[in-house]
Amino acid sequence: MAVSPDLFPAGLYVLVGAGALMMAVGFFGCCGAMRESQCVLGSFFTCLLVIFAAEVTTGVFAFIGKGVAIRHVQTMYEEAYNDYLKDRGKGNGTLITFHSTFQCCGKESSEQVQPTCPKELLGHKNCIDEIETIISVNLQLIGIVGIGIAGLTIFGMIFSMVLCCAIRNSRDVI
């Protein structure tokens, strides 16, 4: 049960699409500020509001789904582990990938799967525990980065509204 190589280009397309969206939103903000256009600044604010809502929603789902993600990866590991024990001669690329990625070897002991373990690994590390630890730490890091980006998004929304109100007030004076 290896990871499909078709998933990697899809992930790249999502990242490229997100980058293009952010570039378009930034362009709205720059043009709106340069032209002193309330309409374009309002569009910029709306785009930032939608992006902020998406960030918050993604963060909530990431924290709610953390346990499900951990159990899913642990189940994938256990399936690869059991497949290897059934047919040792065939070898298992998935098990080797798990061991090298998480720098662990086996479940309770590493004796049964020793040939698939990384050579540089000293001692025994339970892969089930390592999977839980690494995914928890990485999701926490993603959450912290998401909060930071959401904070910057809030500042962008505040500044766009302040600029929009300043433009409206300056036009009322004239």
N, C-alpha and C. Protein backbone atom coordinates (compact mmCIF):
# COMPACT_ATOMS: atom_id res chain seq x y z
N MET A 1 0.84 -1.18 0.00
CA MET A 1 0.00 0.00 0.00
C MET A 1 0.89 1.25 0.00
N ALA A 2 1.44 1.54 -1.15
CA ALA A 2 2.33 2.69 -1.28
C ALA A 2 1.52 3.94 -1.60
N VAL A 3 2.14 5.09 -1.35
CA VAL A 3 1.50 6.36 -1.66
C VAL A 3 1.53 6.55 -3.16
N SER A 4 0.39 6.92 -3.73
CA SER A 4 0.28 7.10 -5.17
C SER A 4 1.10 8.31 -5.62
N PRO A 5 1.93 8.14 -6.66
CA PRO A 5 2.70 9.28 -7.15
C PRO A 5 1.80 10.33 -7.80
N ASP A 6 0.56 9.97 -8.14
CA ASP A 6 -0.36 10.93 -8.74
C ASP A 6 -0.79 12.00 -7.76
N LEU A 7 -0.63 11.77 -6.46
CA LEU A 7 -1.04 12.76 -5.46
C LEU A 7 -0.09 13.96 -5.42
N PHE A 8 1.16 13.74 -5.76
CA PHE A 8 2.13 14.82 -5.67
C PHE A 8 1.88 15.94 -6.68
N PRO A 9 1.60 15.64 -7.97
CA PRO A 9 1.29 16.75 -8.88
C PRO A 9 0.01 17.49 -8.47
N ALA A 10 -0.98 16.79 -7.94
CA ALA A 10 -2.20 17.46 -7.49
C ALA A 10 -1.89 18.45 -6.37
N GLY A 11 -1.03 18.06 -5.44
CA GLY A 11 -0.62 18.96 -4.37
C GLY A 11 0.12 20.18 -4.90
N LEU A 12 0.94 19.97 -5.91
CA LEU A 12 1.66 21.09 -6.51
C LEU A 12 0.69 22.04 -7.21
N TYR A 13 -0.32 21.49 -7.87
CA TYR A 13 -1.32 22.34 -8.53
C TYR A 13 -2.08 23.17 -7.51
N VAL A 14 -2.39 22.59 -6.37
CA VAL A 14 -3.08 23.33 -5.32
C VAL A 14 -2.21 24.47 -4.82
N LEU A 15 -0.92 24.21 -4.59
CA LEU A 15 -0.01 25.26 -4.12
C LEU A 15 0.16 26.37 -5.16
N VAL A 16 0.28 25.99 -6.42
CA VAL A 16 0.41 26.99 -7.48
C VAL A 16 -0.87 27.82 -7.57
N GLY A 17 -2.02 27.16 -7.46
CA GLY A 17 -3.30 27.87 -7.49
C GLY A 17 -3.44 28.83 -6.32
N ALA A 18 -3.04 28.39 -5.14
CA ALA A 18 -3.11 29.26 -3.95
C ALA A 18 -2.17 30.45 -4.11
N GLY A 19 -0.99 30.22 -4.66
CA GLY A 19 -0.05 31.32 -4.90
C GLY A 19 -0.60 32.32 -5.92
N ALA A 20 -1.23 31.82 -6.97
CA ALA A 20 -1.83 32.71 -7.97
C ALA A 20 -2.97 33.51 -7.36
N LEU A 21 -3.78 32.88 -6.52
CA LEU A 21 -4.87 33.58 -5.84
C LEU A 21 -4.33 34.69 -4.94
N MET A 22 -3.30 34.38 -4.18
CA MET A 22 -2.71 35.38 -3.29
C MET A 22 -2.09 36.54 -4.10
N MET A 23 -1.50 36.23 -5.25
CA MET A 23 -0.93 37.27 -6.08
C MET A 23 -2.04 38.18 -6.62
N ALA A 24 -3.16 37.58 -7.03
CA ALA A 24 -4.29 38.39 -7.53
C ALA A 24 -4.87 39.25 -6.42
N VAL A 25 -4.99 38.70 -5.22
CA VAL A 25 -5.51 39.47 -4.09
C VAL A 25 -4.56 40.62 -3.75
N GLY A 26 -3.28 40.35 -3.74
CA GLY A 26 -2.29 41.41 -3.49
C GLY A 26 -2.34 42.49 -4.56
N PHE A 27 -2.57 42.08 -5.80
CA PHE A 27 -2.70 43.04 -6.90
C PHE A 27 -3.90 43.95 -6.68
N PHE A 28 -5.03 43.36 -6.23
CA PHE A 28 -6.21 44.17 -5.88
C PHE A 28 -5.86 45.22 -4.84
N GLY A 29 -5.16 44.80 -3.81
CA GLY A 29 -4.80 45.73 -2.73
C GLY A 29 -3.90 46.85 -3.21
N CYS A 30 -2.89 46.51 -4.00
CA CYS A 30 -1.96 47.53 -4.50
C CYS A 30 -2.67 48.51 -5.44
N CYS A 31 -3.46 47.97 -6.36
CA CYS A 31 -4.17 48.85 -7.31
C CYS A 31 -5.18 49.73 -6.58
N GLY A 32 -5.88 49.16 -5.61
CA GLY A 32 -6.85 49.93 -4.87
C GLY A 32 -6.22 51.06 -4.08
N ALA A 33 -5.06 50.79 -3.50
CA ALA A 33 -4.38 51.83 -2.74
C ALA A 33 -3.79 52.89 -3.67
N MET A 34 -3.22 52.46 -4.78
CA MET A 34 -2.58 53.39 -5.70
C MET A 34 -3.62 54.29 -6.39
N ARG A 35 -4.73 53.73 -6.79
CA ARG A 35 -5.78 54.49 -7.48
C ARG A 35 -6.75 55.16 -6.50
N GLU A 36 -6.59 54.86 -5.23
CA GLU A 36 -7.49 55.36 -4.20
C GLU A 36 -8.94 55.03 -4.53
N SER A 37 -9.14 53.75 -4.88
CA SER A 37 -10.46 53.27 -5.28
C SER A 37 -11.10 52.51 -4.12
N GLN A 38 -12.24 53.03 -3.67
CA GLN A 38 -12.95 52.36 -2.58
C GLN A 38 -13.49 51.00 -3.04
N CYS A 39 -13.92 50.90 -4.28
CA CYS A 39 -14.48 49.65 -4.80
C CYS A 39 -13.42 48.54 -4.81
N VAL A 40 -12.24 48.85 -5.30
CA VAL A 40 -11.17 47.84 -5.37
C VAL A 40 -10.68 47.50 -3.97
N LEU A 41 -10.59 48.49 -3.09
CA LEU A 41 -10.19 48.20 -1.71
C LEU A 41 -11.26 47.37 -1.00
N GLY A 42 -12.52 47.61 -1.32
CA GLY A 42 -13.59 46.78 -0.76
C GLY A 42 -13.50 45.35 -1.26
N SER A 43 -13.15 45.19 -2.54
CA SER A 43 -12.95 43.84 -3.10
C SER A 43 -11.77 43.16 -2.42
N PHE A 44 -10.71 43.91 -2.18
CA PHE A 44 -9.54 43.38 -1.48
C PHE A 44 -9.92 42.91 -0.08
N PHE A 45 -10.69 43.73 0.63
CA PHE A 45 -11.15 43.37 1.97
C PHE A 45 -12.00 42.10 1.92
N THR A 46 -12.90 42.00 0.94
CA THR A 46 -13.76 40.82 0.82
C THR A 46 -12.93 39.57 0.56
N CYS A 47 -11.95 39.68 -0.34
CA CYS A 47 -11.07 38.53 -0.61
C CYS A 47 -10.31 38.11 0.64
N LEU A 48 -9.79 39.08 1.39
CA LEU A 48 -9.08 38.75 2.63
C LEU A 48 -10.01 38.10 3.65
N LEU A 49 -11.26 38.56 3.69
CA LEU A 49 -12.22 37.98 4.62
C LEU A 49 -12.51 36.52 4.27
N VAL A 50 -12.65 36.23 2.98
CA VAL A 50 -12.88 34.84 2.54
C VAL A 50 -11.66 33.98 2.86
N ILE A 51 -10.46 34.50 2.60
CA ILE A 51 -9.23 33.76 2.90
C ILE A 51 -9.12 33.51 4.41
N PHE A 52 -9.45 34.52 5.20
CA PHE A 52 -9.42 34.37 6.66
C PHE A 52 -10.38 33.28 7.11
N ALA A 53 -11.60 33.28 6.56
CA ALA A 53 -12.57 32.25 6.92
C ALA A 53 -12.07 30.86 6.53
N ALA A 54 -11.43 30.75 5.37
CA ALA A 54 -10.89 29.46 4.94
C ALA A 54 -9.75 29.00 5.86
N GLU A 55 -8.91 29.93 6.30
CA GLU A 55 -7.81 29.59 7.21
C GLU A 55 -8.36 29.08 8.54
N VAL A 56 -9.35 29.78 9.07
CA VAL A 56 -9.93 29.38 10.36
C VAL A 56 -10.60 28.01 10.23
N THR A 57 -11.35 27.82 9.15
CA THR A 57 -12.03 26.54 8.94
C THR A 57 -11.03 25.40 8.81
N THR A 58 -9.98 25.61 8.04
CA THR A 58 -8.95 24.58 7.87
C THR A 58 -8.28 24.27 9.20
N GLY A 59 -7.98 25.30 9.98
CA GLY A 59 -7.36 25.08 11.29
C GLY A 59 -8.24 24.28 12.22
N VAL A 60 -9.52 24.61 12.24
CA VAL A 60 -10.45 23.88 13.10
C VAL A 60 -10.53 22.42 12.68
N PHE A 61 -10.66 22.18 11.38
CA PHE A 61 -10.74 20.80 10.91
C PHE A 61 -9.44 20.04 11.15
N ALA A 62 -8.30 20.73 11.07
CA ALA A 62 -7.01 20.07 11.33
C ALA A 62 -6.92 19.62 12.78
N PHE A 63 -7.36 20.49 13.72
CA PHE A 63 -7.28 20.11 15.13
C PHE A 63 -8.33 19.06 15.48
N ILE A 64 -9.51 19.14 14.88
CA ILE A 64 -10.54 18.14 15.15
C ILE A 64 -10.14 16.80 14.55
N GLY A 65 -9.56 16.82 13.34
CA GLY A 65 -9.22 15.58 12.64
C GLY A 65 -7.86 15.03 12.96
N LYS A 66 -7.17 15.59 13.95
CA LYS A 66 -5.81 15.12 14.28
C LYS A 66 -5.82 13.66 14.68
N GLY A 67 -6.76 13.27 15.53
CA GLY A 67 -6.83 11.88 15.98
C GLY A 67 -7.13 10.93 14.84
N VAL A 68 -8.00 11.35 13.93
CA VAL A 68 -8.35 10.52 12.78
C VAL A 68 -7.13 10.34 11.87
N ALA A 69 -6.39 11.42 11.65
CA ALA A 69 -5.20 11.34 10.81
C ALA A 69 -4.16 10.40 11.42
N ILE A 70 -3.96 10.51 12.72
CA ILE A 70 -2.99 9.64 13.40
C ILE A 70 -3.41 8.18 13.28
N ARG A 71 -4.68 7.90 13.55
CA ARG A 71 -5.17 6.51 13.46
C ARG A 71 -5.06 5.98 12.04
N HIS A 72 -5.31 6.82 11.06
CA HIS A 72 -5.24 6.38 9.66
C HIS A 72 -3.81 6.00 9.29
N VAL A 73 -2.84 6.83 9.65
CA VAL A 73 -1.44 6.52 9.33
C VAL A 73 -0.98 5.29 10.11
N GLN A 74 -1.40 5.17 11.37
CA GLN A 74 -1.04 3.98 12.15
C GLN A 74 -1.64 2.72 11.53
N THR A 75 -2.86 2.81 11.02
CA THR A 75 -3.49 1.65 10.37
C THR A 75 -2.74 1.28 9.09
N MET A 76 -2.32 2.30 8.33
CA MET A 76 -1.53 2.03 7.13
C MET A 76 -0.22 1.32 7.49
N TYR A 77 0.41 1.77 8.59
CA TYR A 77 1.66 1.13 9.02
C TYR A 77 1.41 -0.32 9.42
N GLU A 78 0.36 -0.55 10.20
CA GLU A 78 0.07 -1.91 10.65
C GLU A 78 -0.24 -2.84 9.48
N GLU A 79 -0.93 -2.33 8.45
CA GLU A 79 -1.19 -3.15 7.25
C GLU A 79 0.10 -3.50 6.55
N ALA A 80 0.99 -2.53 6.39
CA ALA A 80 2.28 -2.80 5.75
C ALA A 80 3.11 -3.77 6.59
N TYR A 81 3.05 -3.62 7.90
CA TYR A 81 3.78 -4.49 8.83
C TYR A 81 3.27 -5.94 8.68
N ASN A 82 1.96 -6.11 8.70
CA ASN A 82 1.38 -7.45 8.58
C ASN A 82 1.64 -8.06 7.20
N ASP A 83 1.60 -7.25 6.14
CA ASP A 83 1.91 -7.75 4.80
C ASP A 83 3.35 -8.25 4.73
N TYR A 84 4.26 -7.54 5.37
CA TYR A 84 5.67 -7.95 5.38
C TYR A 84 5.83 -9.27 6.14
N LEU A 85 5.13 -9.41 7.27
CA LEU A 85 5.26 -10.65 8.04
C LEU A 85 4.70 -11.85 7.27
N LYS A 86 3.71 -11.64 6.42
CA LYS A 86 3.14 -12.74 5.63
C LYS A 86 4.11 -13.19 4.54
N ASP A 87 4.81 -12.26 3.90
CA ASP A 87 5.70 -12.59 2.80
C ASP A 87 6.99 -11.78 2.92
N ARG A 88 7.92 -12.29 3.72
CA ARG A 88 9.19 -11.58 3.98
C ARG A 88 10.10 -11.54 2.76
N GLY A 89 10.03 -12.55 1.94
CA GLY A 89 10.92 -12.61 0.78
C GLY A 89 10.64 -11.52 -0.22
N LYS A 90 9.40 -11.11 -0.30
CA LYS A 90 9.01 -10.08 -1.28
C LYS A 90 9.57 -8.72 -0.89
N GLY A 91 9.72 -8.47 0.38
CA GLY A 91 10.14 -7.14 0.84
C GLY A 91 8.97 -6.19 0.74
N ASN A 92 9.04 -5.11 1.43
CA ASN A 92 7.93 -4.18 1.42
C ASN A 92 8.46 -2.76 1.39
N GLY A 93 8.30 -2.11 0.25
CA GLY A 93 8.77 -0.75 0.09
C GLY A 93 8.06 0.23 1.01
N THR A 94 6.78 -0.05 1.25
CA THR A 94 6.01 0.85 2.13
C THR A 94 6.56 0.80 3.54
N LEU A 95 6.88 -0.39 4.03
CA LEU A 95 7.42 -0.53 5.39
C LEU A 95 8.79 0.14 5.50
N ILE A 96 9.59 -0.03 4.46
CA ILE A 96 10.91 0.62 4.45
C ILE A 96 10.76 2.13 4.46
N THR A 97 9.79 2.64 3.69
CA THR A 97 9.54 4.09 3.65
C THR A 97 9.08 4.60 5.00
N PHE A 98 8.17 3.87 5.64
CA PHE A 98 7.72 4.26 6.98
C PHE A 98 8.89 4.33 7.95
N HIS A 99 9.73 3.30 7.94
CA HIS A 99 10.85 3.23 8.89
C HIS A 99 11.85 4.36 8.64
N SER A 100 12.15 4.64 7.38
CA SER A 100 13.13 5.71 7.12
C SER A 100 12.52 7.09 7.36
N THR A 101 11.24 7.27 7.08
CA THR A 101 10.61 8.57 7.28
C THR A 101 10.47 8.91 8.75
N PHE A 102 9.99 7.95 9.54
CA PHE A 102 9.72 8.20 10.96
C PHE A 102 10.90 7.82 11.85
N GLN A 103 11.99 7.31 11.26
CA GLN A 103 13.18 6.88 12.00
C GLN A 103 12.79 5.98 13.18
N CYS A 104 12.09 4.90 12.83
CA CYS A 104 11.64 3.94 13.83
C CYS A 104 11.79 2.54 13.25
N CYS A 105 11.47 1.53 14.07
CA CYS A 105 11.59 0.16 13.60
C CYS A 105 10.66 -0.74 14.39
N GLY A 106 9.64 -1.28 13.73
CA GLY A 106 8.76 -2.25 14.35
C GLY A 106 7.75 -1.66 15.31
N LYS A 107 7.02 -2.58 15.93
CA LYS A 107 6.02 -2.15 16.92
C LYS A 107 6.57 -2.44 18.31
N GLU A 108 6.27 -3.61 18.85
CA GLU A 108 6.77 -3.92 20.20
C GLU A 108 8.27 -4.20 20.19
N SER A 109 8.74 -4.89 19.15
CA SER A 109 10.18 -5.14 19.01
C SER A 109 10.53 -5.02 17.53
N SER A 110 11.81 -4.88 17.27
CA SER A 110 12.23 -4.69 15.88
C SER A 110 12.79 -5.98 15.27
N GLU A 111 12.74 -7.07 16.00
CA GLU A 111 13.38 -8.31 15.53
C GLU A 111 12.75 -8.84 14.24
N GLN A 112 11.41 -8.80 14.14
CA GLN A 112 10.74 -9.40 12.99
C GLN A 112 10.94 -8.60 11.70
N VAL A 113 11.15 -7.31 11.81
CA VAL A 113 11.26 -6.45 10.62
C VAL A 113 12.63 -5.79 10.51
N GLN A 114 13.63 -6.33 11.15
CA GLN A 114 14.97 -5.73 11.19
C GLN A 114 15.54 -5.42 9.80
N PRO A 115 15.34 -6.26 8.78
CA PRO A 115 15.92 -5.94 7.46
C PRO A 115 15.35 -4.66 6.84
N THR A 116 14.19 -4.23 7.26
CA THR A 116 13.58 -3.02 6.68
C THR A 116 13.91 -1.76 7.48
N CYS A 117 14.63 -1.90 8.56
CA CYS A 117 14.92 -0.76 9.43
C CYS A 117 16.11 0.04 8.91
N PRO A 118 16.14 1.34 9.20
CA PRO A 118 17.29 2.16 8.79
C PRO A 118 18.57 1.68 9.49
N LYS A 119 19.65 1.67 8.75
CA LYS A 119 20.93 1.19 9.31
C LYS A 119 21.47 2.13 10.38
N GLU A 120 21.17 3.44 10.25
CA GLU A 120 21.72 4.42 11.19
C GLU A 120 20.93 4.50 12.49
N LEU A 121 19.81 3.80 12.58
CA LEU A 121 18.97 3.84 13.78
C LEU A 121 19.61 3.03 14.90
N LEU A 122 19.85 3.67 16.02
CA LEU A 122 20.43 2.99 17.17
C LEU A 122 19.31 2.68 18.15
N GLY A 123 19.21 1.45 18.56
CA GLY A 123 18.17 1.06 19.52
C GLY A 123 16.83 0.84 18.83
N HIS A 124 15.81 0.64 19.65
CA HIS A 124 14.46 0.37 19.14
C HIS A 124 13.55 1.54 19.40
N LYS A 125 12.82 1.95 18.39
CA LYS A 125 11.78 2.97 18.53
C LYS A 125 10.48 2.38 17.99
N ASN A 126 9.44 2.44 18.80
CA ASN A 126 8.14 1.92 18.41
C ASN A 126 7.53 2.86 17.36
N CYS A 127 7.23 2.33 16.17
CA CYS A 127 6.72 3.16 15.08
C CYS A 127 5.33 3.72 15.37
N ILE A 128 4.50 2.97 16.08
CA ILE A 128 3.16 3.45 16.40
C ILE A 128 3.26 4.73 17.25
N ASP A 129 4.16 4.72 18.22
CA ASP A 129 4.35 5.90 19.07
C ASP A 129 5.00 7.06 18.29
N GLU A 130 5.96 6.74 17.43
CA GLU A 130 6.64 7.78 16.64
C GLU A 130 5.68 8.46 15.67
N ILE A 131 4.79 7.68 15.06
CA ILE A 131 3.81 8.25 14.14
C ILE A 131 2.94 9.25 14.88
N GLU A 132 2.46 8.89 16.06
CA GLU A 132 1.62 9.79 16.84
C GLU A 132 2.37 11.05 17.24
N THR A 133 3.60 10.90 17.68
CA THR A 133 4.39 12.05 18.12
C THR A 133 4.67 13.02 16.97
N ILE A 134 5.13 12.48 15.85
CA ILE A 134 5.53 13.34 14.73
C ILE A 134 4.32 14.05 14.12
N ILE A 135 3.21 13.34 13.95
CA ILE A 135 2.03 13.98 13.38
C ILE A 135 1.49 15.04 14.34
N SER A 136 1.48 14.76 15.63
CA SER A 136 1.01 15.75 16.60
C SER A 136 1.86 17.01 16.58
N VAL A 137 3.18 16.84 16.57
CA VAL A 137 4.09 17.99 16.56
C VAL A 137 3.93 18.79 15.27
N ASN A 138 3.84 18.10 14.13
CA ASN A 138 3.71 18.81 12.86
C ASN A 138 2.38 19.53 12.74
N LEU A 139 1.29 18.92 13.22
CA LEU A 139 0.00 19.62 13.17
C LEU A 139 -0.01 20.82 14.11
N GLN A 140 0.69 20.71 15.23
CA GLN A 140 0.78 21.85 16.13
C GLN A 140 1.56 22.99 15.46
N LEU A 141 2.64 22.65 14.77
CA LEU A 141 3.42 23.66 14.05
C LEU A 141 2.58 24.31 12.96
N ILE A 142 1.81 23.51 12.23
CA ILE A 142 0.93 24.06 11.19
C ILE A 142 -0.10 24.98 11.81
N GLY A 143 -0.62 24.62 12.98
CA GLY A 143 -1.58 25.47 13.67
C GLY A 143 -0.99 26.81 14.07
N ILE A 144 0.24 26.79 14.57
CA ILE A 144 0.91 28.04 14.98
C ILE A 144 1.16 28.93 13.77
N VAL A 145 1.64 28.35 12.68
CA VAL A 145 1.86 29.12 11.46
C VAL A 145 0.54 29.67 10.93
N GLY A 146 -0.51 28.86 10.99
CA GLY A 146 -1.83 29.31 10.54
C GLY A 146 -2.35 30.47 11.36
N ILE A 147 -2.13 30.44 12.66
CA ILE A 147 -2.55 31.55 13.52
C ILE A 147 -1.77 32.82 13.16
N GLY A 148 -0.48 32.67 12.90
CA GLY A 148 0.32 33.83 12.49
C GLY A 148 -0.15 34.42 11.18
N ILE A 149 -0.44 33.57 10.21
CA ILE A 149 -0.93 34.06 8.92
C ILE A 149 -2.31 34.69 9.07
N ALA A 150 -3.16 34.09 9.90
CA ALA A 150 -4.49 34.67 10.15
C ALA A 150 -4.35 36.06 10.80
N GLY A 151 -3.38 36.22 11.69
CA GLY A 151 -3.14 37.53 12.30
C GLY A 151 -2.73 38.55 11.26
N LEU A 152 -1.85 38.16 10.34
CA LEU A 152 -1.46 39.07 9.26
C LEU A 152 -2.65 39.40 8.37
N THR A 153 -3.51 38.43 8.14
CA THR A 153 -4.70 38.67 7.33
C THR A 153 -5.62 39.68 8.01
N ILE A 154 -5.75 39.57 9.33
CA ILE A 154 -6.58 40.53 10.07
C ILE A 154 -5.99 41.94 9.95
N PHE A 155 -4.66 42.06 10.08
CA PHE A 155 -4.02 43.37 9.90
C PHE A 155 -4.28 43.92 8.50
N GLY A 156 -4.21 43.06 7.49
CA GLY A 156 -4.49 43.50 6.12
C GLY A 156 -5.92 43.98 5.97
N MET A 157 -6.86 43.29 6.60
CA MET A 157 -8.26 43.72 6.54
C MET A 157 -8.44 45.06 7.25
N ILE A 158 -7.82 45.21 8.40
CA ILE A 158 -7.94 46.48 9.15
C ILE A 158 -7.36 47.64 8.34
N PHE A 159 -6.15 47.44 7.79
CA PHE A 159 -5.52 48.51 7.02
C PHE A 159 -6.32 48.86 5.76
N SER A 160 -6.89 47.86 5.11
CA SER A 160 -7.67 48.16 3.91
C SER A 160 -8.92 48.96 4.26
N MET A 161 -9.57 48.63 5.37
CA MET A 161 -10.76 49.39 5.78
C MET A 161 -10.39 50.81 6.23
N VAL A 162 -9.28 50.95 6.94
CA VAL A 162 -8.83 52.28 7.37
C VAL A 162 -8.53 53.14 6.14
N LEU A 163 -7.83 52.56 5.17
CA LEU A 163 -7.51 53.29 3.95
C LEU A 163 -8.78 53.64 3.17
N CYS A 164 -9.70 52.70 3.11
CA CYS A 164 -10.97 52.93 2.41
C CYS A 164 -11.75 54.08 3.08
N CYS A 165 -11.81 54.09 4.39
CA CYS A 165 -12.50 55.16 5.12
C CYS A 165 -11.78 56.49 4.96
N ALA A 166 -10.45 56.48 4.93
CA ALA A 166 -9.69 57.72 4.75
C ALA A 166 -9.94 58.30 3.37
N ILE A 167 -10.05 57.43 2.36
CA ILE A 167 -10.34 57.90 1.00
C ILE A 167 -11.73 58.52 0.95
N ARG A 168 -12.70 57.86 1.57
CA ARG A 168 -14.06 58.37 1.59
C ARG A 168 -14.12 59.72 2.32
N ASN A 169 -13.43 59.83 3.45
CA ASN A 169 -13.43 61.09 4.22
C ASN A 169 -12.74 62.21 3.45
N SER A 170 -11.66 61.90 2.74
CA SER A 170 -10.95 62.94 1.97
C SER A 170 -11.80 63.42 0.81
N ARG A 171 -12.62 62.56 0.24
CA ARG A 171 -13.49 62.97 -0.86
C ARG A 171 -14.68 63.78 -0.35
N ASP A 172 -15.11 63.52 0.89
CA ASP A 172 -16.21 64.29 1.46
C ASP A 172 -15.79 65.73 1.72
N VAL A 173 -14.50 65.95 2.02
CA VAL A 173 -14.00 67.28 2.32
C VAL A 173 -13.96 68.12 1.06
N ILE A 174 -13.63 67.49 -0.07
CA ILE A 174 -13.47 68.22 -1.35
C ILE A 174 -14.80 68.55 -1.88
